[in-house]
Amino acid sequence: MAQLPTQPQARTWLDRNLGASQVATSSTDHLSYGALFQWGRASDGHECITWTDSITGAGTNGTTNTKEDNPGHSDFITGGSGDWRVTQDDTLWDGATGANNPCPTGFRLPTKTELQAEIASWATEDAAGAFGSVLKLPISGYHYHIDGLVYRGGIVGYYWTSNVFGIQAASYFEFGTGGAGFNTMSRIRGHTVRCIQD
């Protein structure tokens, strides 16, 4: 993957989402959607999605409703809200040296503050602004922790930050045609990851 400098922050980002085969050619380019990670989980195959078109995706591997601290398998963990883990750990994606950091060496998940600074440079705070930015962010949906299905591909983009929120939740950025904003969600749900250089 290429590195992509951005302005005005002069930070370096990866040029595509983790797991994507190419840089986005449109907001709904399914080849650029990439993987959908459970927050704090290592890249172990649970995040892999097979996209057949801009709205249809499915987990490549199976699902399990057994929560585990060290899964040792590639199944997407389902079953209620909260965390995919049994024991809370807020440090798994804490910087480039986080135990489960899924990003390439020297990269990490962005903080909410870093994403806010990037969004401030967009022409509009919506899907058009996300794709029109130097990051070319597509709208890749999410992997649902209740039934293990993929929803809202081609409709809304959901991007994890490294920030945790309260018990068993984390902060993410979402955008669609109607606008954009930050929210929090159970760490067990699968969202997109775009890495920033440490």
N, C-alpha and C. Protein backbone atom coordinates (compact mmCIF):
# COMPACT_ATOMS: atom_id res chain seq x y z
N MET A 1 0.84 -1.18 0.00
CA MET A 1 0.00 0.00 0.00
C MET A 1 0.88 1.24 0.00
N ALA A 2 0.44 2.22 -0.73
CA ALA A 2 1.16 3.49 -0.77
C ALA A 2 0.82 4.34 0.43
N GLN A 3 1.73 5.25 0.74
CA GLN A 3 1.47 6.23 1.79
C GLN A 3 0.99 7.50 1.14
N LEU A 4 0.11 8.19 1.81
CA LEU A 4 -0.55 9.34 1.23
C LEU A 4 -0.49 10.52 2.19
N PRO A 5 0.34 11.55 1.89
CA PRO A 5 0.36 12.71 2.78
C PRO A 5 -0.92 13.51 2.62
N THR A 6 -1.40 14.06 3.70
CA THR A 6 -2.61 14.86 3.66
C THR A 6 -2.34 16.26 4.17
N GLN A 7 -3.21 17.16 3.82
CA GLN A 7 -3.10 18.55 4.24
C GLN A 7 -4.39 18.93 4.95
N PRO A 8 -4.45 19.90 5.86
CA PRO A 8 -3.32 20.75 6.24
C PRO A 8 -2.50 20.16 7.38
N GLN A 9 -2.82 18.99 7.88
CA GLN A 9 -2.13 18.45 9.03
C GLN A 9 -0.75 17.88 8.71
N ALA A 10 -0.48 17.64 7.43
CA ALA A 10 0.77 17.04 6.99
C ALA A 10 1.02 15.70 7.66
N ARG A 11 -0.05 14.95 7.91
CA ARG A 11 0.07 13.60 8.44
C ARG A 11 0.05 12.63 7.26
N THR A 12 0.65 11.48 7.45
CA THR A 12 0.69 10.47 6.40
C THR A 12 -0.28 9.35 6.73
N TRP A 13 -1.16 9.06 5.80
CA TRP A 13 -2.17 8.01 5.93
C TRP A 13 -1.89 6.93 4.89
N LEU A 14 -2.39 5.72 5.12
CA LEU A 14 -2.39 4.73 4.05
C LEU A 14 -3.36 5.20 2.98
N ASP A 15 -3.12 4.81 1.76
CA ASP A 15 -3.95 5.30 0.65
C ASP A 15 -5.24 4.52 0.47
N ARG A 16 -5.47 3.49 1.29
CA ARG A 16 -6.69 2.68 1.19
C ARG A 16 -7.02 2.08 2.55
N ASN A 17 -8.23 1.55 2.66
CA ASN A 17 -8.65 0.87 3.88
C ASN A 17 -7.89 -0.45 4.03
N LEU A 18 -7.70 -0.87 5.27
CA LEU A 18 -7.06 -2.17 5.48
C LEU A 18 -7.91 -3.26 4.84
N GLY A 19 -7.25 -4.14 4.11
CA GLY A 19 -7.95 -5.24 3.45
C GLY A 19 -8.47 -4.92 2.07
N ALA A 20 -8.36 -3.65 1.65
CA ALA A 20 -8.84 -3.25 0.31
C ALA A 20 -7.80 -3.57 -0.75
N SER A 21 -8.27 -3.96 -1.92
CA SER A 21 -7.35 -4.30 -3.00
C SER A 21 -6.94 -3.09 -3.83
N GLN A 22 -7.64 -1.96 -3.63
CA GLN A 22 -7.30 -0.77 -4.40
C GLN A 22 -7.78 0.50 -3.71
N VAL A 23 -7.25 1.62 -4.18
CA VAL A 23 -7.71 2.94 -3.76
C VAL A 23 -9.11 3.13 -4.35
N ALA A 24 -9.99 3.78 -3.62
CA ALA A 24 -11.37 3.96 -4.07
C ALA A 24 -11.45 4.76 -5.36
N THR A 25 -12.27 4.29 -6.28
CA THR A 25 -12.54 5.02 -7.52
C THR A 25 -13.88 5.76 -7.44
N SER A 26 -14.67 5.43 -6.40
CA SER A 26 -15.94 6.11 -6.10
C SER A 26 -16.30 5.78 -4.66
N SER A 27 -17.31 6.44 -4.13
CA SER A 27 -17.76 6.14 -2.77
C SER A 27 -18.27 4.72 -2.62
N THR A 28 -18.76 4.16 -3.72
CA THR A 28 -19.36 2.82 -3.68
C THR A 28 -18.52 1.78 -4.43
N ASP A 29 -17.23 2.00 -4.51
CA ASP A 29 -16.32 1.04 -5.14
C ASP A 29 -16.05 -0.09 -4.14
N HIS A 30 -16.72 -1.23 -4.30
CA HIS A 30 -16.62 -2.31 -3.32
C HIS A 30 -15.23 -2.92 -3.24
N LEU A 31 -14.40 -2.75 -4.26
CA LEU A 31 -13.03 -3.26 -4.20
C LEU A 31 -12.17 -2.43 -3.25
N SER A 32 -12.68 -1.28 -2.85
CA SER A 32 -11.94 -0.41 -1.93
C SER A 32 -12.50 -0.44 -0.51
N TYR A 33 -13.56 -1.20 -0.27
CA TYR A 33 -14.18 -1.22 1.06
C TYR A 33 -13.25 -1.82 2.11
N GLY A 34 -12.63 -2.93 1.79
CA GLY A 34 -11.70 -3.57 2.71
C GLY A 34 -12.37 -4.41 3.77
N ALA A 35 -11.64 -4.59 4.87
CA ALA A 35 -12.05 -5.47 5.97
C ALA A 35 -12.87 -4.71 7.00
N LEU A 36 -13.61 -5.46 7.82
CA LEU A 36 -14.43 -4.89 8.89
C LEU A 36 -14.01 -5.53 10.21
N PHE A 37 -13.26 -4.76 11.01
CA PHE A 37 -12.63 -5.25 12.24
C PHE A 37 -13.49 -5.06 13.47
N GLN A 38 -13.44 -6.03 14.37
CA GLN A 38 -13.97 -5.83 15.71
C GLN A 38 -12.93 -5.00 16.47
N TRP A 39 -13.38 -3.98 17.22
CA TRP A 39 -12.46 -3.04 17.83
C TRP A 39 -11.49 -3.75 18.79
N GLY A 40 -10.21 -3.50 18.56
CA GLY A 40 -9.18 -4.06 19.43
C GLY A 40 -8.72 -5.45 19.06
N ARG A 41 -9.34 -6.06 18.07
CA ARG A 41 -8.98 -7.43 17.70
C ARG A 41 -7.89 -7.41 16.64
N ALA A 42 -6.99 -8.37 16.74
CA ALA A 42 -5.90 -8.50 15.78
C ALA A 42 -6.44 -8.93 14.41
N SER A 43 -5.61 -8.77 13.41
CA SER A 43 -5.96 -9.22 12.06
C SER A 43 -5.76 -10.74 12.01
N ASP A 44 -6.84 -11.48 12.28
CA ASP A 44 -6.75 -12.94 12.36
C ASP A 44 -7.70 -13.64 11.40
N GLY A 45 -8.31 -12.88 10.50
CA GLY A 45 -9.24 -13.44 9.52
C GLY A 45 -10.69 -13.12 9.82
N HIS A 46 -11.01 -12.75 11.08
CA HIS A 46 -12.39 -12.42 11.43
C HIS A 46 -12.89 -11.22 10.64
N GLU A 47 -11.96 -10.36 10.23
CA GLU A 47 -12.28 -9.10 9.56
C GLU A 47 -12.53 -9.24 8.06
N CYS A 48 -12.20 -10.38 7.50
CA CYS A 48 -12.26 -10.57 6.05
C CYS A 48 -13.71 -10.61 5.54
N ILE A 49 -13.96 -9.83 4.51
CA ILE A 49 -15.29 -9.74 3.90
C ILE A 49 -15.16 -10.04 2.41
N THR A 50 -16.06 -10.83 1.88
CA THR A 50 -16.14 -11.04 0.44
C THR A 50 -17.23 -10.12 -0.09
N TRP A 51 -16.80 -9.13 -0.88
CA TRP A 51 -17.74 -8.17 -1.48
C TRP A 51 -18.07 -8.61 -2.89
N THR A 52 -19.35 -8.73 -3.21
CA THR A 52 -19.75 -9.13 -4.56
C THR A 52 -20.21 -7.94 -5.39
N ASP A 53 -20.64 -6.88 -4.73
CA ASP A 53 -20.98 -5.63 -5.40
C ASP A 53 -20.99 -4.52 -4.35
N SER A 54 -21.46 -3.34 -4.69
CA SER A 54 -21.36 -2.20 -3.79
C SER A 54 -22.23 -2.29 -2.54
N ILE A 55 -23.22 -3.17 -2.55
CA ILE A 55 -24.09 -3.29 -1.37
C ILE A 55 -24.06 -4.68 -0.72
N THR A 56 -23.45 -5.65 -1.38
CA THR A 56 -23.50 -7.02 -0.89
C THR A 56 -22.13 -7.52 -0.45
N GLY A 57 -22.04 -7.84 0.82
CA GLY A 57 -20.83 -8.41 1.38
C GLY A 57 -21.19 -9.45 2.42
N ALA A 58 -20.28 -10.39 2.64
CA ALA A 58 -20.48 -11.42 3.65
C ALA A 58 -19.15 -11.77 4.27
N GLY A 59 -19.19 -12.14 5.54
CA GLY A 59 -17.97 -12.58 6.20
C GLY A 59 -17.38 -13.76 5.47
N THR A 60 -16.08 -13.73 5.25
CA THR A 60 -15.40 -14.79 4.53
C THR A 60 -15.31 -16.07 5.37
N ASN A 61 -15.18 -15.88 6.67
CA ASN A 61 -15.06 -17.01 7.59
C ASN A 61 -16.34 -17.15 8.40
N GLY A 62 -16.38 -18.09 9.30
CA GLY A 62 -17.59 -18.36 10.07
C GLY A 62 -17.84 -17.38 11.19
N THR A 63 -18.84 -17.69 12.00
CA THR A 63 -19.16 -16.90 13.19
C THR A 63 -19.24 -17.83 14.39
N THR A 64 -19.07 -17.24 15.56
CA THR A 64 -19.24 -17.97 16.81
C THR A 64 -19.82 -17.01 17.83
N ASN A 65 -20.62 -17.51 18.74
CA ASN A 65 -21.15 -16.63 19.79
C ASN A 65 -20.43 -16.83 21.11
N THR A 66 -19.22 -17.42 21.05
CA THR A 66 -18.40 -17.61 22.24
C THR A 66 -17.35 -16.50 22.31
N LYS A 67 -17.47 -15.64 23.32
CA LYS A 67 -16.51 -14.56 23.52
C LYS A 67 -15.23 -15.11 24.14
N GLU A 68 -14.09 -14.64 23.61
CA GLU A 68 -12.79 -15.13 24.07
C GLU A 68 -11.78 -13.99 24.07
N ASP A 69 -10.87 -13.97 25.04
CA ASP A 69 -9.82 -12.96 25.08
C ASP A 69 -8.78 -13.19 23.99
N ASN A 70 -8.45 -14.43 23.71
CA ASN A 70 -7.48 -14.78 22.67
C ASN A 70 -8.12 -15.83 21.77
N PRO A 71 -8.91 -15.39 20.79
CA PRO A 71 -9.72 -16.34 20.01
C PRO A 71 -8.96 -17.49 19.38
N GLY A 72 -7.82 -17.24 18.74
CA GLY A 72 -7.10 -18.33 18.11
C GLY A 72 -7.83 -18.93 16.92
N HIS A 73 -8.78 -18.18 16.34
CA HIS A 73 -9.52 -18.62 15.16
C HIS A 73 -9.91 -17.40 14.34
N SER A 74 -10.47 -17.63 13.17
CA SER A 74 -10.83 -16.53 12.27
C SER A 74 -12.32 -16.24 12.24
N ASP A 75 -13.08 -16.80 13.16
CA ASP A 75 -14.52 -16.57 13.20
C ASP A 75 -14.84 -15.16 13.74
N PHE A 76 -15.87 -14.55 13.18
CA PHE A 76 -16.38 -13.28 13.68
C PHE A 76 -17.23 -13.59 14.91
N ILE A 77 -16.94 -12.93 16.03
CA ILE A 77 -17.64 -13.23 17.28
C ILE A 77 -18.94 -12.42 17.35
N THR A 78 -20.04 -13.12 17.55
CA THR A 78 -21.36 -12.50 17.64
C THR A 78 -21.93 -12.70 19.04
N GLY A 79 -23.14 -12.24 19.25
CA GLY A 79 -23.81 -12.52 20.51
C GLY A 79 -23.94 -11.33 21.42
N GLY A 80 -24.95 -10.52 21.19
CA GLY A 80 -25.22 -9.41 22.07
C GLY A 80 -24.31 -8.23 21.85
N SER A 81 -24.36 -7.30 22.78
CA SER A 81 -23.55 -6.09 22.66
C SER A 81 -22.30 -6.21 23.52
N GLY A 82 -21.59 -5.10 23.67
CA GLY A 82 -20.40 -5.09 24.51
C GLY A 82 -19.15 -5.41 23.73
N ASP A 83 -18.33 -6.26 24.29
CA ASP A 83 -17.02 -6.57 23.74
C ASP A 83 -17.01 -7.99 23.19
N TRP A 84 -16.09 -8.26 22.29
CA TRP A 84 -15.88 -9.63 21.81
C TRP A 84 -15.04 -10.42 22.80
N ARG A 85 -14.44 -9.71 23.75
CA ARG A 85 -13.61 -10.31 24.79
C ARG A 85 -14.41 -10.61 26.05
N VAL A 86 -13.85 -11.45 26.90
CA VAL A 86 -14.41 -11.71 28.21
C VAL A 86 -13.89 -10.66 29.20
N THR A 87 -12.59 -10.36 29.10
CA THR A 87 -11.92 -9.42 29.99
C THR A 87 -11.67 -8.10 29.27
N GLN A 88 -12.10 -7.00 29.85
CA GLN A 88 -11.93 -5.67 29.26
C GLN A 88 -10.44 -5.34 29.08
N ASP A 89 -10.06 -4.78 27.93
CA ASP A 89 -8.70 -4.30 27.70
C ASP A 89 -8.78 -3.11 26.75
N ASP A 90 -8.55 -1.91 27.30
CA ASP A 90 -8.64 -0.67 26.52
C ASP A 90 -7.38 -0.36 25.73
N THR A 91 -6.33 -1.16 25.87
CA THR A 91 -5.03 -0.81 25.28
C THR A 91 -4.70 -1.59 24.00
N LEU A 92 -5.57 -2.45 23.54
CA LEU A 92 -5.23 -3.34 22.43
C LEU A 92 -4.89 -2.60 21.14
N TRP A 93 -5.51 -1.45 20.90
CA TRP A 93 -5.20 -0.64 19.72
C TRP A 93 -4.59 0.70 20.14
N ASP A 94 -3.86 0.70 21.23
CA ASP A 94 -3.27 1.90 21.79
C ASP A 94 -1.93 2.21 21.11
N GLY A 95 -1.99 2.92 19.99
CA GLY A 95 -0.78 3.31 19.28
C GLY A 95 -0.19 2.22 18.42
N ALA A 96 0.94 2.54 17.79
CA ALA A 96 1.60 1.61 16.87
C ALA A 96 2.10 0.36 17.58
N THR A 97 2.31 0.45 18.90
CA THR A 97 2.80 -0.70 19.64
C THR A 97 1.69 -1.44 20.38
N GLY A 98 0.43 -1.08 20.11
CA GLY A 98 -0.69 -1.79 20.73
C GLY A 98 -0.60 -3.28 20.41
N ALA A 99 -0.93 -4.11 21.37
CA ALA A 99 -0.76 -5.57 21.23
C ALA A 99 -1.46 -6.13 19.99
N ASN A 100 -2.59 -5.58 19.61
CA ASN A 100 -3.35 -6.09 18.46
C ASN A 100 -3.44 -5.10 17.31
N ASN A 101 -2.54 -4.11 17.26
CA ASN A 101 -2.58 -3.12 16.19
C ASN A 101 -2.57 -3.82 14.83
N PRO A 102 -3.64 -3.66 14.02
CA PRO A 102 -3.72 -4.36 12.74
C PRO A 102 -2.99 -3.66 11.60
N CYS A 103 -2.51 -2.44 11.86
CA CYS A 103 -1.90 -1.62 10.80
C CYS A 103 -0.47 -2.08 10.50
N PRO A 104 0.05 -1.71 9.31
CA PRO A 104 1.43 -2.04 8.98
C PRO A 104 2.40 -1.38 9.96
N THR A 105 3.61 -1.87 10.00
CA THR A 105 4.64 -1.34 10.89
C THR A 105 4.77 0.18 10.72
N GLY A 106 4.76 0.90 11.85
CA GLY A 106 4.88 2.35 11.84
C GLY A 106 3.57 3.08 11.68
N PHE A 107 2.48 2.33 11.54
CA PHE A 107 1.14 2.92 11.40
C PHE A 107 0.26 2.43 12.55
N ARG A 108 -0.86 3.13 12.75
CA ARG A 108 -1.80 2.82 13.82
C ARG A 108 -3.16 3.38 13.46
N LEU A 109 -4.16 3.09 14.28
CA LEU A 109 -5.48 3.71 14.09
C LEU A 109 -5.41 5.17 14.48
N PRO A 110 -6.16 6.03 13.81
CA PRO A 110 -6.18 7.45 14.18
C PRO A 110 -6.98 7.68 15.45
N THR A 111 -6.66 8.75 16.15
CA THR A 111 -7.48 9.17 17.28
C THR A 111 -8.67 9.95 16.74
N LYS A 112 -9.65 10.15 17.58
CA LYS A 112 -10.81 10.96 17.20
C LYS A 112 -10.36 12.37 16.83
N THR A 113 -9.42 12.93 17.57
CA THR A 113 -8.91 14.28 17.31
C THR A 113 -8.24 14.36 15.94
N GLU A 114 -7.47 13.36 15.58
CA GLU A 114 -6.81 13.35 14.27
C GLU A 114 -7.82 13.26 13.14
N LEU A 115 -8.84 12.45 13.31
CA LEU A 115 -9.89 12.37 12.28
C LEU A 115 -10.67 13.68 12.18
N GLN A 116 -10.96 14.30 13.32
CA GLN A 116 -11.66 15.59 13.29
C GLN A 116 -10.86 16.64 12.52
N ALA A 117 -9.55 16.66 12.72
CA ALA A 117 -8.70 17.62 12.01
C ALA A 117 -8.72 17.36 10.51
N GLU A 118 -8.74 16.09 10.12
CA GLU A 118 -8.78 15.74 8.70
C GLU A 118 -10.12 16.15 8.09
N ILE A 119 -11.20 15.88 8.80
CA ILE A 119 -12.54 16.19 8.31
C ILE A 119 -12.72 17.69 8.11
N ALA A 120 -12.05 18.48 8.94
CA ALA A 120 -12.15 19.94 8.83
C ALA A 120 -11.64 20.46 7.49
N SER A 121 -10.84 19.65 6.78
CA SER A 121 -10.33 20.07 5.47
C SER A 121 -11.23 19.66 4.31
N TRP A 122 -12.32 18.93 4.59
CA TRP A 122 -13.21 18.47 3.53
C TRP A 122 -14.11 19.59 3.04
N ALA A 123 -14.52 19.49 1.80
CA ALA A 123 -15.45 20.47 1.23
C ALA A 123 -16.82 20.38 1.90
N THR A 124 -17.28 19.15 2.18
CA THR A 124 -18.55 18.91 2.86
C THR A 124 -18.39 17.73 3.81
N GLU A 125 -19.12 17.75 4.90
CA GLU A 125 -19.05 16.65 5.86
C GLU A 125 -20.13 15.62 5.54
N ASP A 126 -19.86 14.82 4.52
CA ASP A 126 -20.76 13.76 4.09
C ASP A 126 -19.99 12.81 3.19
N ALA A 127 -20.68 11.87 2.55
CA ALA A 127 -20.01 10.88 1.70
C ALA A 127 -19.26 11.54 0.55
N ALA A 128 -19.83 12.61 -0.01
CA ALA A 128 -19.15 13.30 -1.12
C ALA A 128 -17.85 13.94 -0.63
N GLY A 129 -17.89 14.53 0.54
CA GLY A 129 -16.68 15.13 1.10
C GLY A 129 -15.64 14.09 1.45
N ALA A 130 -16.08 12.94 1.96
CA ALA A 130 -15.17 11.85 2.32
C ALA A 130 -14.44 11.32 1.09
N PHE A 131 -15.19 11.12 0.01
CA PHE A 131 -14.55 10.63 -1.21
C PHE A 131 -13.76 11.73 -1.91
N GLY A 132 -14.26 12.97 -1.84
CA GLY A 132 -13.56 14.09 -2.48
C GLY A 132 -12.28 14.49 -1.77
N SER A 133 -12.10 14.03 -0.54
CA SER A 133 -10.88 14.35 0.21
C SER A 133 -9.70 13.56 -0.34
N VAL A 134 -8.51 13.91 0.10
CA VAL A 134 -7.32 13.20 -0.34
C VAL A 134 -7.36 11.73 0.10
N LEU A 135 -8.13 11.42 1.14
CA LEU A 135 -8.22 10.05 1.62
C LEU A 135 -9.12 9.15 0.77
N LYS A 136 -10.05 9.73 0.01
CA LYS A 136 -10.96 8.97 -0.85
C LYS A 136 -11.64 7.83 -0.07
N LEU A 137 -12.33 8.18 1.01
CA LEU A 137 -12.97 7.18 1.86
C LEU A 137 -14.28 6.67 1.25
N PRO A 138 -14.41 5.35 1.10
CA PRO A 138 -15.66 4.78 0.59
C PRO A 138 -16.64 4.46 1.73
N ILE A 139 -17.86 4.15 1.36
CA ILE A 139 -18.92 3.85 2.34
C ILE A 139 -19.16 2.34 2.38
N SER A 140 -18.48 1.70 3.32
CA SER A 140 -18.38 0.24 3.32
C SER A 140 -19.26 -0.51 4.31
N GLY A 141 -20.16 0.18 5.00
CA GLY A 141 -21.08 -0.53 5.89
C GLY A 141 -20.42 -1.08 7.14
N TYR A 142 -21.10 -2.07 7.77
CA TYR A 142 -20.57 -2.67 9.00
C TYR A 142 -20.94 -4.15 9.07
N HIS A 143 -20.20 -4.87 9.90
CA HIS A 143 -20.44 -6.30 10.15
C HIS A 143 -21.18 -6.36 11.48
N TYR A 144 -22.40 -6.84 11.45
CA TYR A 144 -23.28 -6.78 12.61
C TYR A 144 -22.98 -7.89 13.61
N HIS A 145 -22.87 -7.49 14.86
CA HIS A 145 -22.51 -8.41 15.93
C HIS A 145 -23.68 -9.24 16.46
N ILE A 146 -24.87 -8.97 16.01
CA ILE A 146 -26.03 -9.76 16.46
C ILE A 146 -26.22 -10.99 15.58
N ASP A 147 -26.22 -10.80 14.26
CA ASP A 147 -26.48 -11.93 13.36
C ASP A 147 -25.33 -12.29 12.43
N GLY A 148 -24.21 -11.54 12.51
CA GLY A 148 -23.05 -11.86 11.68
C GLY A 148 -23.17 -11.45 10.23
N LEU A 149 -24.21 -10.68 9.87
CA LEU A 149 -24.39 -10.24 8.49
C LEU A 149 -23.78 -8.86 8.27
N VAL A 150 -23.53 -8.52 7.02
CA VAL A 150 -22.97 -7.22 6.66
C VAL A 150 -24.10 -6.33 6.17
N TYR A 151 -24.15 -5.11 6.72
CA TYR A 151 -25.23 -4.18 6.41
C TYR A 151 -24.68 -2.83 5.94
N ARG A 152 -25.51 -2.12 5.19
CA ARG A 152 -25.34 -0.71 4.80
C ARG A 152 -24.14 -0.44 3.90
N GLY A 153 -23.62 -1.49 3.24
CA GLY A 153 -22.59 -1.27 2.24
C GLY A 153 -23.14 -0.37 1.15
N GLY A 154 -22.35 0.61 0.73
CA GLY A 154 -22.79 1.54 -0.29
C GLY A 154 -23.73 2.61 0.22
N ILE A 155 -23.98 2.61 1.53
CA ILE A 155 -24.91 3.58 2.11
C ILE A 155 -24.24 4.47 3.15
N VAL A 156 -23.51 3.83 4.09
CA VAL A 156 -22.83 4.57 5.16
C VAL A 156 -21.46 3.96 5.40
N GLY A 157 -20.48 4.82 5.67
CA GLY A 157 -19.15 4.37 6.05
C GLY A 157 -18.98 4.48 7.56
N TYR A 158 -18.38 3.46 8.17
CA TYR A 158 -18.14 3.43 9.62
C TYR A 158 -16.66 3.16 9.84
N TYR A 159 -15.95 4.10 10.45
CA TYR A 159 -14.50 4.00 10.63
C TYR A 159 -14.12 4.10 12.10
N TRP A 160 -13.45 3.05 12.62
CA TRP A 160 -13.02 3.06 14.01
C TRP A 160 -11.95 4.12 14.27
N THR A 161 -11.96 4.67 15.47
CA THR A 161 -10.83 5.44 15.99
C THR A 161 -10.16 4.56 17.04
N SER A 162 -9.05 5.04 17.58
CA SER A 162 -8.37 4.29 18.64
C SER A 162 -8.96 4.59 20.02
N ASN A 163 -9.90 5.53 20.09
CA ASN A 163 -10.46 5.95 21.37
C ASN A 163 -11.53 5.01 21.89
N VAL A 164 -11.41 4.66 23.17
CA VAL A 164 -12.44 3.87 23.82
C VAL A 164 -13.47 4.82 24.43
N PHE A 165 -14.61 4.28 24.76
CA PHE A 165 -15.67 5.09 25.37
C PHE A 165 -16.38 4.24 26.41
N GLY A 166 -16.27 4.62 27.66
CA GLY A 166 -16.96 3.92 28.72
C GLY A 166 -16.60 2.44 28.77
N ILE A 167 -17.56 1.66 29.17
CA ILE A 167 -17.35 0.22 29.30
C ILE A 167 -17.76 -0.48 28.02
N GLN A 168 -16.81 -1.15 27.40
CA GLN A 168 -17.03 -2.01 26.23
C GLN A 168 -17.47 -1.29 24.97
N ALA A 169 -17.24 0.00 24.85
CA ALA A 169 -17.57 0.74 23.63
C ALA A 169 -16.33 1.48 23.13
N ALA A 170 -16.40 1.93 21.88
CA ALA A 170 -15.31 2.69 21.28
C ALA A 170 -15.91 3.73 20.35
N SER A 171 -15.10 4.74 20.02
CA SER A 171 -15.54 5.84 19.18
C SER A 171 -15.32 5.52 17.70
N TYR A 172 -16.27 5.91 16.87
CA TYR A 172 -16.12 5.73 15.43
C TYR A 172 -16.68 6.95 14.71
N PHE A 173 -16.27 7.09 13.44
CA PHE A 173 -16.75 8.16 12.59
C PHE A 173 -17.63 7.54 11.53
N GLU A 174 -18.81 8.14 11.28
CA GLU A 174 -19.69 7.63 10.24
C GLU A 174 -20.11 8.75 9.30
N PHE A 175 -20.33 8.38 8.04
CA PHE A 175 -20.77 9.36 7.06
C PHE A 175 -21.57 8.68 5.96
N GLY A 176 -22.51 9.43 5.42
CA GLY A 176 -23.33 8.98 4.31
C GLY A 176 -23.73 10.19 3.49
N THR A 177 -24.76 10.05 2.66
CA THR A 177 -25.18 11.18 1.83
C THR A 177 -25.82 12.29 2.65
N GLY A 178 -26.34 11.95 3.83
CA GLY A 178 -27.04 12.93 4.65
C GLY A 178 -26.20 13.66 5.67
N GLY A 179 -24.91 13.34 5.78
CA GLY A 179 -24.07 14.02 6.75
C GLY A 179 -23.05 13.09 7.37
N ALA A 180 -22.41 13.60 8.44
CA ALA A 180 -21.33 12.85 9.08
C ALA A 180 -21.27 13.21 10.55
N GLY A 181 -20.65 12.35 11.33
CA GLY A 181 -20.47 12.64 12.74
C GLY A 181 -19.81 11.50 13.47
N PHE A 182 -19.45 11.76 14.72
CA PHE A 182 -18.85 10.74 15.57
C PHE A 182 -19.91 10.13 16.47
N ASN A 183 -19.69 8.86 16.80
CA ASN A 183 -20.61 8.16 17.68
C ASN A 183 -19.82 7.09 18.41
N THR A 184 -20.49 6.32 19.24
CA THR A 184 -19.85 5.21 19.93
C THR A 184 -20.65 3.94 19.67
N MET A 185 -19.95 2.81 19.74
CA MET A 185 -20.59 1.53 19.46
C MET A 185 -19.87 0.44 20.23
N SER A 186 -20.57 -0.64 20.50
CA SER A 186 -19.98 -1.82 21.13
C SER A 186 -18.77 -2.29 20.31
N ARG A 187 -17.74 -2.68 20.99
CA ARG A 187 -16.50 -3.10 20.33
C ARG A 187 -16.65 -4.40 19.56
N ILE A 188 -17.73 -5.10 19.77
CA ILE A 188 -17.96 -6.38 19.10
C ILE A 188 -18.39 -6.19 17.64
N ARG A 189 -18.84 -4.99 17.27
CA ARG A 189 -19.28 -4.75 15.88
C ARG A 189 -18.08 -4.54 14.97
N GLY A 190 -18.20 -4.92 13.71
CA GLY A 190 -17.12 -4.80 12.74
C GLY A 190 -17.19 -3.53 11.92
N HIS A 191 -16.13 -2.70 12.00
CA HIS A 191 -16.05 -1.45 11.24
C HIS A 191 -14.76 -1.40 10.42
N THR A 192 -14.71 -0.44 9.54
CA THR A 192 -13.57 -0.21 8.68
C THR A 192 -12.40 0.39 9.47
N VAL A 193 -11.18 0.16 8.97
CA VAL A 193 -9.98 0.75 9.56
C VAL A 193 -9.17 1.44 8.47
N ARG A 194 -8.81 2.69 8.71
CA ARG A 194 -7.86 3.44 7.86
C ARG A 194 -6.71 3.88 8.77
N CYS A 195 -5.51 3.49 8.45
CA CYS A 195 -4.36 3.71 9.31
C CYS A 195 -3.64 5.02 9.04
N ILE A 196 -3.05 5.57 10.08
CA ILE A 196 -2.27 6.80 10.01
C ILE A 196 -0.86 6.49 10.51
N GLN A 197 0.12 7.18 9.97
CA GLN A 197 1.51 6.95 10.40
C GLN A 197 1.72 7.46 11.81
N ASP A 198 2.45 6.72 12.59
CA ASP A 198 2.67 7.08 13.99
C ASP A 198 3.57 8.31 14.10
